[in-house]
Amino acid sequence: MSDQNISGEFWTFSLSVYGQPGVEAACLRLQSSHQMDVNVVLFCAWAGVRGIALDDATLAGQIAGAAEWQAHAVQPIRAIRRRLKDFSVAGLSHPQRDELREAIKSVELQAEKLEQTILANTLAGQSPGDSSATLADANFEVYWRITAKGDHPQATAAWRIIRAAALPPALAGIEGRGA
């Protein structure tokens, strides 16, 4: 699979999962309460869906690359968009300001997509295995061990919502029960 195909597959997966009921709130809870990168969380799920286990060393490198991109691209763009939300200045209408915010939001989304390219390309050339809730859970636990901020049971509860949306219902239901 080419680099463009694998990153496109991850992006499509992420949009699909993020749009499921409860997932956006769960992702934002992990981001705000546990300082977890939503793209890395979704990457853990996607790797599990692809049947790929992420080890500590590999994921630590992926997290470092994603964090660098977040710090230098995504977060500064997001900060500008957020600052403009309630900003007013004489001579500029709210619709004009909002039009600029929407354009910046589009750029922010493109930066998020490029972060996903960084993550997905680390799996290029790896053969997918069997989709597995167990693997997805293990991948999330590796991420948790590396970042470990906040209350683990709360983070795990948010993760379960994401995992259930990410995996085919049969796998999420069978392997995910009581996990």
Foldseek 3Di string as FASTA:
>chain_A
DDLVVLLVVLVVLLVQLCPDPLLVVLLVCCCVQQVDDSLLLSLLLVLLQLAHADALVRSVVLVVLLVVLCVPPQVVLVVVLVVLPPDDDPPADPVNSVVVSVVSVVSNVVSSSVSSSSSRVSCPPPHGDHRALVRSVNSVVSVCVVRVGHDPVSNVVSSLSSNCSNHDVVRSVPVVVPD
